[in-house]
């Protein structure tokens, strides 16, 4: 199921797309973090993975388009990082479906993405 992604519904462009996507990812990360120690942690991890799979590819493609709109070059390493994140999330989903506890690893993955990838992008955008 595809979840609402505000940057598409609002027809956002450029930096506004990237900011909306980061809020979306930040909200997912905060919700996951707050849920890991609760009794329903497994369900929360599944919901987070579902939302990521629903919106992540769309988010990354929109980000790449926003970079092009802003006249910023996207090198192969940047695209590879996006592809790597998608593969990592897919791997975590598969492991989750097999019953493995992947919540902490998912949280670390999302936090690292925001702290490393997003901060590196910020240097390009400003």
PDB file of N, CA and C in Angstrom:
ATOM      1  N   UNK A   1       0.845  -1.172   0.000  1.00  0.00           N
ATOM      2  CA  UNK A   1       0.000   0.000   0.000  1.00  0.00           C
ATOM      3  C   UNK A   1       0.896   1.242   0.000  1.00  0.00           C
ATOM      4  N   UNK A   2       0.564   2.212  -0.818  1.00  0.00           N
ATOM      5  CA  UNK A   2       1.311   3.453  -0.873  1.00  0.00           C
ATOM      6  C   UNK A   2       0.735   4.429   0.142  1.00  0.00           C
ATOM      7  N   UNK A   3       1.604   5.000   0.937  1.00  0.00           N
ATOM      8  CA  UNK A   3       1.189   5.975   1.932  1.00  0.00           C
ATOM      9  C   UNK A   3       1.341   7.376   1.375  1.00  0.00           C
ATOM     10  N   UNK A   4       0.639   8.286   1.954  1.00  0.00           N
ATOM     11  CA  UNK A   4       0.685   9.692   1.573  1.00  0.00           C
ATOM     12  C   UNK A   4       2.104  10.234   1.698  1.00  0.00           C
ATOM     13  N   UNK A   5       2.575  10.845   0.643  1.00  0.00           N
ATOM     14  CA  UNK A   5       3.858  11.513   0.680  1.00  0.00           C
ATOM     15  C   UNK A   5       3.618  12.970   0.323  1.00  0.00           C
ATOM     16  N   UNK A   6       3.781  13.876   1.280  1.00  0.00           N
ATOM     17  CA  UNK A   6       3.354  15.261   1.110  1.00  0.00           C
ATOM     18  C   UNK A   6       4.047  16.003  -0.024  1.00  0.00           C
ATOM     19  N   UNK A   7       5.275  15.643  -0.343  1.00  0.00           N
ATOM     20  CA  UNK A   7       5.972  16.382  -1.393  1.00  0.00           C
ATOM     21  C   UNK A   7       5.329  16.145  -2.758  1.00  0.00           C
ATOM     22  N   UNK A   8       4.695  15.004  -2.974  1.00  0.00           N
ATOM     23  CA  UNK A   8       3.992  14.760  -4.240  1.00  0.00           C
ATOM     24  C   UNK A   8       2.614  15.410  -4.241  1.00  0.00           C
ATOM     25  N   UNK A   9       1.897  15.253  -3.160  1.00  0.00           N
ATOM     26  CA  UNK A   9       0.537  15.784  -3.085  1.00  0.00           C
ATOM     27  C   UNK A   9       0.530  17.307  -3.153  1.00  0.00           C
ATOM     28  N   UNK A  10       1.562  17.932  -2.616  1.00  0.00           N
ATOM     29  CA  UNK A  10       1.621  19.390  -2.594  1.00  0.00           C
ATOM     30  C   UNK A  10       2.364  19.948  -3.802  1.00  0.00           C
ATOM     31  N   UNK A  11       2.807  19.064  -4.690  1.00  0.00           N
ATOM     32  CA  UNK A  11       3.536  19.471  -5.884  1.00  0.00           C
ATOM     33  C   UNK A  11       4.736  20.345  -5.515  1.00  0.00           C
ATOM     34  N   UNK A  12       5.493  19.900  -4.507  1.00  0.00           N
ATOM     35  CA  UNK A  12       6.669  20.631  -4.066  1.00  0.00           C
ATOM     36  C   UNK A  12       7.830  20.396  -5.034  1.00  0.00           C
ATOM     37  N   UNK A  13       8.758  21.340  -5.058  1.00  0.00           N
ATOM     38  CA  UNK A  13       9.924  21.237  -5.928  1.00  0.00           C
ATOM     39  C   UNK A  13      11.156  21.733  -5.195  1.00  0.00           C
ATOM     40  N   UNK A  14      12.320  21.361  -5.725  1.00  0.00           N
ATOM     41  CA  UNK A  14      13.585  21.862  -5.218  1.00  0.00           C
ATOM     42  C   UNK A  14      13.812  21.539  -3.754  1.00  0.00           C
ATOM     43  N   UNK A  15      14.319  22.512  -3.044  1.00  0.00           N
ATOM     44  CA  UNK A  15      14.657  22.316  -1.631  1.00  0.00           C
ATOM     45  C   UNK A  15      13.424  21.971  -0.802  1.00  0.00           C
ATOM     46  N   UNK A  16      12.257  22.470  -1.182  1.00  0.00           N
ATOM     47  CA  UNK A  16      11.027  22.157  -0.440  1.00  0.00           C
ATOM     48  C   UNK A  16      10.745  20.655  -0.442  1.00  0.00           C
ATOM     49  N   UNK A  17      11.057  19.977  -1.547  1.00  0.00           N
ATOM     50  CA  UNK A  17      10.883  18.521  -1.624  1.00  0.00           C
ATOM     51  C   UNK A  17      11.802  17.848  -0.614  1.00  0.00           C
ATOM     52  N   UNK A  18      13.046  18.259  -0.622  1.00  0.00           N
ATOM     53  CA  UNK A  18      14.039  17.642   0.252  1.00  0.00           C
ATOM     54  C   UNK A  18      13.688  17.877   1.716  1.00  0.00           C
ATOM     55  N   UNK A  19      13.244  19.060   2.053  1.00  0.00           N
ATOM     56  CA  UNK A  19      12.847  19.346   3.434  1.00  0.00           C
ATOM     57  C   UNK A  19      11.644  18.510   3.858  1.00  0.00           C
ATOM     58  N   UNK A  20      10.651  18.371   2.979  1.00  0.00           N
ATOM     59  CA  UNK A  20       9.475  17.558   3.303  1.00  0.00           C
ATOM     60  C   UNK A  20       9.859  16.099   3.492  1.00  0.00           C
ATOM     61  N   UNK A  21      10.757  15.613   2.656  1.00  0.00           N
ATOM     62  CA  UNK A  21      11.194  14.226   2.777  1.00  0.00           C
ATOM     63  C   UNK A  21      11.942  13.994   4.090  1.00  0.00           C
ATOM     64  N   UNK A  22      12.738  14.942   4.469  1.00  0.00           N
ATOM     65  CA  UNK A  22      13.489  14.787   5.718  1.00  0.00           C
ATOM     66  C   UNK A  22      12.564  14.808   6.931  1.00  0.00           C
ATOM     67  N   UNK A  23      11.534  15.638   6.872  1.00  0.00           N
ATOM     68  CA  UNK A  23      10.546  15.626   7.967  1.00  0.00           C
ATOM     69  C   UNK A  23       9.864  14.261   8.031  1.00  0.00           C
ATOM     70  N   UNK A  24       9.503  13.723   6.871  1.00  0.00           N
ATOM     71  CA  UNK A  24       8.864  12.405   6.795  1.00  0.00           C
ATOM     72  C   UNK A  24       9.769  11.343   7.400  1.00  0.00           C
ATOM     73  N   UNK A  25      11.034  11.333   6.993  1.00  0.00           N
ATOM     74  CA  UNK A  25      11.967  10.341   7.494  1.00  0.00           C
ATOM     75  C   UNK A  25      12.245  10.555   8.985  1.00  0.00           C
ATOM     76  N   UNK A  26      12.335  11.808   9.404  1.00  0.00           N
ATOM     77  CA  UNK A  26      12.544  12.103  10.819  1.00  0.00           C
ATOM     78  C   UNK A  26      11.385  11.629  11.675  1.00  0.00           C
ATOM     79  N   UNK A  27      10.175  11.823  11.184  1.00  0.00           N
ATOM     80  CA  UNK A  27       8.987  11.368  11.920  1.00  0.00           C
ATOM     81  C   UNK A  27       8.978   9.850  12.041  1.00  0.00           C
ATOM     82  N   UNK A  28       9.306   9.148  10.950  1.00  0.00           N
ATOM     83  CA  UNK A  28       9.378   7.681  11.004  1.00  0.00           C
ATOM     84  C   UNK A  28      10.427   7.234  12.022  1.00  0.00           C
ATOM     85  N   UNK A  29      11.569   7.883  12.007  1.00  0.00           N
ATOM     86  CA  UNK A  29      12.660   7.519  12.905  1.00  0.00           C
ATOM     87  C   UNK A  29      12.277   7.773  14.359  1.00  0.00           C
ATOM     88  N   UNK A  30      11.667   8.917  14.633  1.00  0.00           N
ATOM     89  CA  UNK A  30      11.246   9.230  16.004  1.00  0.00           C
ATOM     90  C   UNK A  30      10.205   8.232  16.504  1.00  0.00           C
ATOM     91  N   UNK A  31       9.251   7.896  15.651  1.00  0.00           N
ATOM     92  CA  UNK A  31       8.215   6.944  16.059  1.00  0.00           C
ATOM     93  C   UNK A  31       8.836   5.578  16.339  1.00  0.00           C
ATOM     94  N   UNK A  32       9.739   5.153  15.466  1.00  0.00           N
ATOM     95  CA  UNK A  32      10.410   3.874  15.682  1.00  0.00           C
ATOM     96  C   UNK A  32      11.191   3.886  16.989  1.00  0.00           C
ATOM     97  N   UNK A  33      11.946   4.937  17.218  1.00  0.00           N
ATOM     98  CA  UNK A  33      12.750   5.053  18.434  1.00  0.00           C
ATOM     99  C   UNK A  33      11.877   4.972  19.681  1.00  0.00           C
ATOM    100  N   UNK A  34      10.747   5.638  19.661  1.00  0.00           N
ATOM    101  CA  UNK A  34       9.848   5.629  20.806  1.00  0.00           C
ATOM    102  C   UNK A  34       9.120   4.320  21.007  1.00  0.00           C
ATOM    103  N   UNK A  35       9.142   3.468  19.990  1.00  0.00           N
ATOM    104  CA  UNK A  35       8.384   2.220  20.049  1.00  0.00           C
ATOM    105  C   UNK A  35       9.225   0.993  20.380  1.00  0.00           C
ATOM    106  N   UNK A  36      10.538   1.096  20.291  1.00  0.00           N
ATOM    107  CA  UNK A  36      11.378  -0.094  20.410  1.00  0.00           C
ATOM    108  C   UNK A  36      11.329  -0.774  21.774  1.00  0.00           C
ATOM    109  N   UNK A  37      11.005  -0.040  22.820  1.00  0.00           N
ATOM    110  CA  UNK A  37      10.994  -0.640  24.151  1.00  0.00           C
ATOM    111  C   UNK A  37       9.593  -0.994  24.624  1.00  0.00           C
ATOM    112  N   UNK A  38       8.626  -0.835  23.749  1.00  0.00           N
ATOM    113  CA  UNK A  38       7.252  -1.184  24.107  1.00  0.00           C
ATOM    114  C   UNK A  38       6.965  -2.636  23.748  1.00  0.00           C
ATOM    115  N   UNK A  39       5.895  -3.109  24.272  1.00  0.00           N
ATOM    116  CA  UNK A  39       5.479  -4.486  24.049  1.00  0.00           C
ATOM    117  C   UNK A  39       5.193  -4.751  22.566  1.00  0.00           C
ATOM    118  N   UNK A  40       4.706  -3.749  21.854  1.00  0.00           N
ATOM    119  CA  UNK A  40       4.358  -3.914  20.437  1.00  0.00           C
ATOM    120  C   UNK A  40       5.483  -3.470  19.499  1.00  0.00           C
ATOM    121  N   UNK A  41       6.736  -3.603  19.955  1.00  0.00           N
ATOM    122  CA  UNK A  41       7.885  -3.145  19.166  1.00  0.00           C
ATOM    123  C   UNK A  41       7.936  -3.831  17.800  1.00  0.00           C
ATOM    124  N   UNK A  42       7.678  -5.105  17.751  1.00  0.00           N
ATOM    125  CA  UNK A  42       7.742  -5.840  16.479  1.00  0.00           C
ATOM    126  C   UNK A  42       6.757  -5.259  15.473  1.00  0.00           C
ATOM    127  N   UNK A  43       5.574  -4.944  15.938  1.00  0.00           N
ATOM    128  CA  UNK A  43       4.560  -4.344  15.075  1.00  0.00           C
ATOM    129  C   UNK A  43       5.004  -2.965  14.584  1.00  0.00           C
ATOM    130  N   UNK A  44       5.602  -2.184  15.474  1.00  0.00           N
ATOM    131  CA  UNK A  44       6.084  -0.847  15.109  1.00  0.00           C
ATOM    132  C   UNK A  44       7.201  -0.933  14.076  1.00  0.00           C
ATOM    133  N   UNK A  45       8.082  -1.915  14.228  1.00  0.00           N
ATOM    134  CA  UNK A  45       9.164  -2.110  13.254  1.00  0.00           C
ATOM    135  C   UNK A  45       8.566  -2.481  11.901  1.00  0.00           C
ATOM    136  N   UNK A  46       7.591  -3.374  11.908  1.00  0.00           N
ATOM    137  CA  UNK A  46       6.930  -3.765  10.659  1.00  0.00           C
ATOM    138  C   UNK A  46       6.256  -2.585   9.981  1.00  0.00           C
ATOM    139  N   UNK A  47       5.586  -1.759  10.756  1.00  0.00           N
ATOM    140  CA  UNK A  47       4.917  -0.585  10.198  1.00  0.00           C
ATOM    141  C   UNK A  47       5.938   0.394   9.610  1.00  0.00           C
ATOM    142  N   UNK A  48       7.040   0.599  10.315  1.00  0.00           N
ATOM    143  CA  UNK A  48       8.085   1.492   9.820  1.00  0.00           C
ATOM    144  C   UNK A  48       8.653   0.956   8.509  1.00  0.00           C
ATOM    145  N   UNK A  49       8.947  -0.323   8.451  1.00  0.00           N
ATOM    146  CA  UNK A  49       9.472  -0.928   7.226  1.00  0.00           C
ATOM    147  C   UNK A  49       8.471  -0.809   6.079  1.00  0.00           C
ATOM    148  N   UNK A  50       7.207  -1.022   6.377  1.00  0.00           N
ATOM    149  CA  UNK A  50       6.156  -0.898   5.355  1.00  0.00           C
ATOM    150  C   UNK A  50       6.117   0.524   4.797  1.00  0.00           C
ATOM    151  N   UNK A  51       6.160   1.486   5.675  1.00  0.00           N
ATOM    152  CA  UNK A  51       6.120   2.890   5.224  1.00  0.00           C
ATOM    153  C   UNK A  51       7.382   3.269   4.455  1.00  0.00           C
ATOM    154  N   UNK A  52       8.516   2.750   4.901  1.00  0.00           N
ATOM    155  CA  UNK A  52       9.753   3.013   4.174  1.00  0.00           C
ATOM    156  C   UNK A  52       9.688   2.433   2.763  1.00  0.00           C
ATOM    157  N   UNK A  53       9.250   1.191   2.656  1.00  0.00           N
ATOM    158  CA  UNK A  53       9.168   0.578   1.328  1.00  0.00           C
ATOM    159  C   UNK A  53       8.156   1.296   0.452  1.00  0.00           C
ATOM    160  N   UNK A  54       7.128   1.802   1.059  1.00  0.00           N
ATOM    161  CA  UNK A  54       6.097   2.516   0.312  1.00  0.00           C
ATOM    162  C   UNK A  54       6.590   3.861  -0.190  1.00  0.00           C
ATOM    163  N   UNK A  55       7.398   4.551   0.608  1.00  0.00           N
ATOM    164  CA  UNK A  55       7.763   5.908   0.254  1.00  0.00           C
ATOM    165  C   UNK A  55       9.226   6.164  -0.046  1.00  0.00           C
ATOM    166  N   UNK A  56      10.111   5.235   0.296  1.00  0.00           N
ATOM    167  CA  UNK A  56      11.539   5.503   0.180  1.00  0.00           C
ATOM    168  C   UNK A  56      12.000   5.673  -1.263  1.00  0.00           C
ATOM    169  N   UNK A  57      11.646   4.753  -2.121  1.00  0.00           N
ATOM    170  CA  UNK A  57      12.072   4.863  -3.517  1.00  0.00           C
ATOM    171  C   UNK A  57      11.531   6.145  -4.138  1.00  0.00           C
ATOM    172  N   UNK A  58      10.267   6.401  -3.870  1.00  0.00           N
ATOM    173  CA  UNK A  58       9.642   7.632  -4.358  1.00  0.00           C
ATOM    174  C   UNK A  58      10.389   8.851  -3.819  1.00  0.00           C
ATOM    175  N   UNK A  59      10.776   8.801  -2.565  1.00  0.00           N
ATOM    176  CA  UNK A  59      11.498   9.897  -1.934  1.00  0.00           C
ATOM    177  C   UNK A  59      12.853  10.121  -2.599  1.00  0.00           C
ATOM    178  N   UNK A  60      13.592   9.058  -2.814  1.00  0.00           N
ATOM    179  CA  UNK A  60      14.931   9.195  -3.374  1.00  0.00           C
ATOM    180  C   UNK A  60      14.897   9.667  -4.821  1.00  0.00           C
ATOM    181  N   UNK A  61      13.946   9.168  -5.591  1.00  0.00           N
ATOM    182  CA  UNK A  61      13.810   9.627  -6.977  1.00  0.00           C
ATOM    183  C   UNK A  61      13.431  11.107  -7.001  1.00  0.00           C
ATOM    184  N   UNK A  62      12.511  11.511  -6.132  1.00  0.00           N
ATOM    185  CA  UNK A  62      12.119  12.921  -6.053  1.00  0.00           C
ATOM    186  C   UNK A  62      13.297  13.792  -5.638  1.00  0.00           C
ATOM    187  N   UNK A  63      14.114  13.293  -4.723  1.00  0.00           N
ATOM    188  CA  UNK A  63      15.297  14.039  -4.299  1.00  0.00           C
ATOM    189  C   UNK A  63      16.266  14.222  -5.466  1.00  0.00           C
ATOM    190  N   UNK A  64      16.482  13.156  -6.220  1.00  0.00           N
ATOM    191  CA  UNK A  64      17.380  13.241  -7.370  1.00  0.00           C
ATOM    192  C   UNK A  64      16.853  14.257  -8.388  1.00  0.00           C
ATOM    193  N   UNK A  65      15.542  14.262  -8.602  1.00  0.00           N
ATOM    194  CA  UNK A  65      14.939  15.251  -9.506  1.00  0.00           C
ATOM    195  C   UNK A  65      15.116  16.667  -8.954  1.00  0.00           C
ATOM    196  N   UNK A  66      14.971  16.824  -7.647  1.00  0.00           N
ATOM    197  CA  UNK A  66      15.145  18.141  -7.023  1.00  0.00           C
ATOM    198  C   UNK A  66      16.578  18.629  -7.210  1.00  0.00           C
ATOM    199  N   UNK A  67      17.551  17.746  -7.071  1.00  0.00           N
ATOM    200  CA  UNK A  67      18.945  18.130  -7.292  1.00  0.00           C
ATOM    201  C   UNK A  67      19.131  18.624  -8.725  1.00  0.00           C
ATOM    202  N   UNK A  68      18.543  17.911  -9.671  1.00  0.00           N
ATOM    203  CA  UNK A  68      18.667  18.324 -11.078  1.00  0.00           C
ATOM    204  C   UNK A  68      18.006  19.683 -11.295  1.00  0.00           C
ATOM    205  N   UNK A  69      16.837  19.893 -10.689  1.00  0.00           N
ATOM    206  CA  UNK A  69      16.151  21.177 -10.808  1.00  0.00           C
ATOM    207  C   UNK A  69      17.004  22.319 -10.263  1.00  0.00           C
ATOM    208  N   UNK A  70      17.746  22.024  -9.202  1.00  0.00           N
ATOM    209  CA  UNK A  70      18.586  23.035  -8.571  1.00  0.00           C
ATOM    210  C   UNK A  70      19.933  23.198  -9.279  1.00  0.00           C
ATOM    211  N   UNK A  71      20.156  22.390 -10.312  1.00  0.00           N
ATOM    212  CA  UNK A  71      21.413  22.473 -11.055  1.00  0.00           C
ATOM    213  C   UNK A  71      22.586  21.836 -10.341  1.00  0.00           C
ATOM    214  N   UNK A  72      22.304  20.938  -9.413  1.00  0.00           N
ATOM    215  CA  UNK A  72      23.361  20.265  -8.662  1.00  0.00           C
ATOM    216  C   UNK A  72      23.658  18.911  -9.286  1.00  0.00           C
ATOM    217  N   UNK A  73      24.922  18.602  -9.396  1.00  0.00           N
ATOM    218  CA  UNK A  73      25.332  17.335  -9.997  1.00  0.00           C
ATOM    219  C   UNK A  73      25.097  16.182  -9.027  1.00  0.00           C
ATOM    220  N   UNK A  74      24.659  15.082  -9.583  1.00  0.00           N
ATOM    221  CA  UNK A  74      24.524  13.842  -8.820  1.00  0.00           C
ATOM    222  C   UNK A  74      25.582  12.879  -9.345  1.00  0.00           C
ATOM    223  N   UNK A  75      26.546  12.568  -8.503  1.00  0.00           N
ATOM    224  CA  UNK A  75      27.571  11.637  -8.959  1.00  0.00           C
ATOM    225  C   UNK A  75      27.124  10.201  -8.698  1.00  0.00           C
ATOM    226  N   UNK A  76      27.887   9.275  -9.240  1.00  0.00           N
ATOM    227  CA  UNK A  76      27.545   7.852  -9.117  1.00  0.00           C
ATOM    228  C   UNK A  76      27.519   7.412  -7.658  1.00  0.00           C
ATOM    229  N   UNK A  77      28.396   7.966  -6.838  1.00  0.00           N
ATOM    230  CA  UNK A  77      28.435   7.589  -5.416  1.00  0.00           C
ATOM    231  C   UNK A  77      27.145   7.973  -4.710  1.00  0.00           C
ATOM    232  N   UNK A  78      26.573   9.116  -5.074  1.00  0.00           N
ATOM    233  CA  UNK A  78      25.317   9.566  -4.461  1.00  0.00           C
ATOM    234  C   UNK A  78      24.181   8.610  -4.834  1.00  0.00           C
ATOM    235  N   UNK A  79      24.094   8.282  -6.107  1.00  0.00           N
ATOM    236  CA  UNK A  79      23.060   7.340  -6.573  1.00  0.00           C
ATOM    237  C   UNK A  79      23.280   5.965  -5.941  1.00  0.00           C
ATOM    238  N   UNK A  80      24.535   5.536  -5.860  1.00  0.00           N
ATOM    239  CA  UNK A  80      24.850   4.247  -5.234  1.00  0.00           C
ATOM    240  C   UNK A  80      24.426   4.224  -3.768  1.00  0.00           C
ATOM    241  N   UNK A  81      24.595   5.346  -3.079  1.00  0.00           N
ATOM    242  CA  UNK A  81      24.168   5.425  -1.676  1.00  0.00           C
ATOM    243  C   UNK A  81      22.663   5.244  -1.571  1.00  0.00           C
ATOM    244  N   UNK A  82      21.917   5.866  -2.467  1.00  0.00           N
ATOM    245  CA  UNK A  82      20.455   5.700  -2.480  1.00  0.00           C
ATOM    246  C   UNK A  82      20.084   4.238  -2.722  1.00  0.00           C
ATOM    247  N   UNK A  83      20.710   3.631  -3.716  1.00  0.00           N
ATOM    248  CA  UNK A  83      20.424   2.222  -4.021  1.00  0.00           C
ATOM    249  C   UNK A  83      20.794   1.328  -2.846  1.00  0.00           C
ATOM    250  N   UNK A  84      21.922   1.641  -2.204  1.00  0.00           N
ATOM    251  CA  UNK A  84      22.349   0.851  -1.048  1.00  0.00           C
ATOM    252  C   UNK A  84      21.366   0.933   0.106  1.00  0.00           C
ATOM    253  N   UNK A  85      20.812   2.116   0.341  1.00  0.00           N
ATOM    254  CA  UNK A  85      19.818   2.262   1.405  1.00  0.00           C
ATOM    255  C   UNK A  85      18.586   1.421   1.093  1.00  0.00           C
ATOM    256  N   UNK A  86      18.123   1.469  -0.135  1.00  0.00           N
ATOM    257  CA  UNK A  86      16.946   0.671  -0.518  1.00  0.00           C
ATOM    258  C   UNK A  86      17.212  -0.818  -0.304  1.00  0.00           C
ATOM    259  N   UNK A  87      18.383  -1.281  -0.692  1.00  0.00           N
ATOM    260  CA  UNK A  87      18.732  -2.693  -0.501  1.00  0.00           C
ATOM    261  C   UNK A  87      18.831  -3.050   0.976  1.00  0.00           C
ATOM    262  N   UNK A  88      19.376  -2.147   1.769  1.00  0.00           N
ATOM    263  CA  UNK A  88      19.483  -2.409   3.206  1.00  0.00           C
ATOM    264  C   UNK A  88      18.103  -2.505   3.848  1.00  0.00           C
ATOM    265  N   UNK A  89      17.195  -1.614   3.471  1.00  0.00           N
ATOM    266  CA  UNK A  89      15.838  -1.652   4.022  1.00  0.00           C
ATOM    267  C   UNK A  89      15.133  -2.937   3.579  1.00  0.00           C
ATOM    268  N   UNK A  90      15.304  -3.322   2.338  1.00  0.00           N
ATOM    269  CA  UNK A  90      14.700  -4.559   1.843  1.00  0.00           C
ATOM    270  C   UNK A  90      15.248  -5.772   2.599  1.00  0.00           C
ATOM    271  N   UNK A  91      16.548  -5.788   2.856  1.00  0.00           N
ATOM    272  CA  UNK A  91      17.152  -6.870   3.623  1.00  0.00           C
ATOM    273  C   UNK A  91      16.592  -6.911   5.044  1.00  0.00           C
ATOM    274  N   UNK A  92      16.440  -5.756   5.675  1.00  0.00           N
ATOM    275  CA  UNK A  92      15.872  -5.713   7.021  1.00  0.00           C
ATOM    276  C   UNK A  92      14.433  -6.208   7.020  1.00  0.00           C
ATOM    277  N   UNK A  93      13.681  -5.867   5.992  1.00  0.00           N
ATOM    278  CA  UNK A  93      12.306  -6.352   5.890  1.00  0.00           C
ATOM    279  C   UNK A  93      12.278  -7.877   5.794  1.00  0.00           C
ATOM    280  N   UNK A  94      13.117  -8.424   4.951  1.00  0.00           N
ATOM    281  CA  UNK A  94      13.163  -9.887   4.808  1.00  0.00           C
ATOM    282  C   UNK A  94      13.496 -10.552   6.136  1.00  0.00           C
ATOM    283  N   UNK A  95      14.485 -10.018   6.833  1.00  0.00           N
ATOM    284  CA  UNK A  95      14.866 -10.579   8.123  1.00  0.00           C
ATOM    285  C   UNK A  95      13.733 -10.428   9.139  1.00  0.00           C
ATOM    286  N   UNK A  96      13.051  -9.275   9.122  1.00  0.00           N
ATOM    287  CA  UNK A  96      11.906  -9.048  10.007  1.00  0.00           C
ATOM    288  C   UNK A  96      10.820 -10.088   9.741  1.00  0.00           C
ATOM    289  N   UNK A  97      10.559 -10.339   8.474  1.00  0.00           N
ATOM    290  CA  UNK A  97       9.525 -11.320   8.111  1.00  0.00           C
ATOM    291  C   UNK A  97       9.902 -12.726   8.560  1.00  0.00           C
ATOM    292  N   UNK A  98      11.191 -13.001   8.715  1.00  0.00           N
ATOM    293  CA  UNK A  98      11.647 -14.302   9.210  1.00  0.00           C
ATOM    294  C   UNK A  98      11.633 -14.375  10.736  1.00  0.00           C
ATOM    295  N   UNK A  99      11.229 -13.274  11.372  1.00  0.00           N
ATOM    296  CA  UNK A  99      11.114 -13.256  12.822  1.00  0.00           C
ATOM    297  C   UNK A  99      12.325 -12.696  13.550  1.00  0.00           C
ATOM    298  N   UNK A 100      13.313 -12.235  12.828  1.00  0.00           N
ATOM    299  CA  UNK A 100      14.494 -11.671  13.475  1.00  0.00           C
ATOM    300  C   UNK A 100      14.171 -10.293  14.051  1.00  0.00           C
ATOM    301  N   UNK A 101      14.730  -9.966  15.202  1.00  0.00           N
ATOM    302  CA  UNK A 101      14.555  -8.615  15.754  1.00  0.00           C
ATOM    303  C   UNK A 101      15.514  -7.643  15.057  1.00  0.00           C
ATOM    304  N   UNK A 102      14.979  -6.760  14.229  1.00  0.00           N
ATOM    305  CA  UNK A 102      15.817  -5.843  13.449  1.00  0.00           C
ATOM    306  C   UNK A 102      15.560  -4.378  13.803  1.00  0.00           C
ATOM    307  N   UNK A 103      14.763  -4.127  14.820  1.00  0.00           N
ATOM    308  CA  UNK A 103      14.376  -2.770  15.150  1.00  0.00           C
ATOM    309  C   UNK A 103      15.542  -1.852  15.469  1.00  0.00           C
ATOM    310  N   UNK A 104      16.467  -2.309  16.294  1.00  0.00           N
ATOM    311  CA  UNK A 104      17.602  -1.471  16.673  1.00  0.00           C
ATOM    312  C   UNK A 104      18.480  -1.217  15.448  1.00  0.00           C
ATOM    313  N   UNK A 105      18.686  -2.236  14.635  1.00  0.00           N
ATOM    314  CA  UNK A 105      19.491  -2.074  13.428  1.00  0.00           C
ATOM    315  C   UNK A 105      18.818  -1.098  12.461  1.00  0.00           C
ATOM    316  N   UNK A 106      17.493  -1.192  12.335  1.00  0.00           N
ATOM    317  CA  UNK A 106      16.757  -0.260  11.477  1.00  0.00           C
ATOM    318  C   UNK A 106      16.901   1.164  12.000  1.00  0.00           C
ATOM    319  N   UNK A 107      16.766   1.335  13.293  1.00  0.00           N
ATOM    320  CA  UNK A 107      16.907   2.665  13.888  1.00  0.00           C
ATOM    321  C   UNK A 107      18.304   3.231  13.616  1.00  0.00           C
ATOM    322  N   UNK A 108      19.326   2.424  13.809  1.00  0.00           N
ATOM    323  CA  UNK A 108      20.701   2.883  13.553  1.00  0.00           C
ATOM    324  C   UNK A 108      20.897   3.216  12.079  1.00  0.00           C
ATOM    325  N   UNK A 109      20.314   2.429  11.203  1.00  0.00           N
ATOM    326  CA  UNK A 109      20.402   2.690   9.762  1.00  0.00           C
ATOM    327  C   UNK A 109      19.789   4.045   9.422  1.00  0.00           C
ATOM    328  N   UNK A 110      18.600   4.310   9.941  1.00  0.00           N
ATOM    329  CA  UNK A 110      17.917   5.575   9.652  1.00  0.00           C
ATOM    330  C   UNK A 110      18.656   6.762  10.253  1.00  0.00           C
ATOM    331  N   UNK A 111      19.148   6.588  11.471  1.00  0.00           N
ATOM    332  CA  UNK A 111      19.894   7.671  12.113  1.00  0.00           C
ATOM    333  C   UNK A 111      21.190   7.960  11.365  1.00  0.00           C
ATOM    334  N   UNK A 112      21.887   6.919  10.942  1.00  0.00           N
ATOM    335  CA  UNK A 112      23.131   7.102  10.197  1.00  0.00           C
ATOM    336  C   UNK A 112      22.852   7.793   8.860  1.00  0.00           C
ATOM    337  N   UNK A 113      21.774   7.407   8.212  1.00  0.00           N
ATOM    338  CA  UNK A 113      21.415   8.030   6.934  1.00  0.00           C
ATOM    339  C   UNK A 113      21.202   9.533   7.113  1.00  0.00           C
ATOM    340  N   UNK A 114      20.459   9.868   8.144  1.00  0.00           N
ATOM    341  CA  UNK A 114      20.169  11.276   8.381  1.00  0.00           C
ATOM    342  C   UNK A 114      21.430  12.035   8.809  1.00  0.00           C
ATOM    343  N   UNK A 115      22.251  11.429   9.642  1.00  0.00           N
ATOM    344  CA  UNK A 115      23.445  12.110  10.151  1.00  0.00           C
ATOM    345  C   UNK A 115      24.562  12.195   9.119  1.00  0.00           C
ATOM    346  N   UNK A 116      24.669  11.211   8.253  1.00  0.00           N
ATOM    347  CA  UNK A 116      25.766  11.198   7.289  1.00  0.00           C
ATOM    348  C   UNK A 116      25.322  11.683   5.918  1.00  0.00           C
ATOM    349  N   UNK A 117      24.387  11.003   5.317  1.00  0.00           N
ATOM    350  CA  UNK A 117      23.974  11.335   3.952  1.00  0.00           C
ATOM    351  C   UNK A 117      23.292  12.704   3.881  1.00  0.00           C
ATOM    352  N   UNK A 118      22.345  12.919   4.761  1.00  0.00           N
ATOM    353  CA  UNK A 118      21.592  14.181   4.713  1.00  0.00           C
ATOM    354  C   UNK A 118      22.486  15.373   5.047  1.00  0.00           C
ATOM    355  N   UNK A 119      23.380  15.215   5.987  1.00  0.00           N
ATOM    356  CA  UNK A 119      24.295  16.315   6.319  1.00  0.00           C
ATOM    357  C   UNK A 119      25.247  16.613   5.167  1.00  0.00           C
ATOM    358  N   UNK A 120      25.702  15.565   4.478  1.00  0.00           N
ATOM    359  CA  UNK A 120      26.563  15.782   3.315  1.00  0.00           C
ATOM    360  C   UNK A 120      25.803  16.530   2.224  1.00  0.00           C
ATOM    361  N   UNK A 121      24.531  16.185   2.055  1.00  0.00           N
ATOM    362  CA  UNK A 121      23.694  16.898   1.078  1.00  0.00           C
ATOM    363  C   UNK A 121      23.510  18.353   1.478  1.00  0.00           C
ATOM    364  N   UNK A 122      23.350  18.604   2.772  1.00  0.00           N
ATOM    365  CA  UNK A 122      23.173  19.966   3.247  1.00  0.00           C
ATOM    366  C   UNK A 122      24.350  20.849   2.827  1.00  0.00           C
ATOM    367  N   UNK A 123      25.546  20.280   2.857  1.00  0.00           N
ATOM    368  CA  UNK A 123      26.721  21.058   2.434  1.00  0.00           C
ATOM    369  C   UNK A 123      26.631  21.417   0.946  1.00  0.00           C
ATOM    370  N   UNK A 124      26.034  20.547   0.151  1.00  0.00           N
ATOM    371  CA  UNK A 124      25.857  20.821  -1.280  1.00  0.00           C
ATOM    372  C   UNK A 124      24.752  21.851  -1.528  1.00  0.00           C
ATOM    373  N   UNK A 125      23.735  21.808  -0.689  1.00  0.00           N
ATOM    374  CA  UNK A 125      22.563  22.664  -0.902  1.00  0.00           C
ATOM    375  C   UNK A 125      22.760  24.093  -0.410  1.00  0.00           C
ATOM    376  N   UNK A 126      23.686  24.284   0.499  1.00  0.00           N
ATOM    377  CA  UNK A 126      23.848  25.621   1.089  1.00  0.00           C
ATOM    378  C   UNK A 126      25.213  26.195   0.847  1.00  0.00           C
TER     379      UNK A 126
END
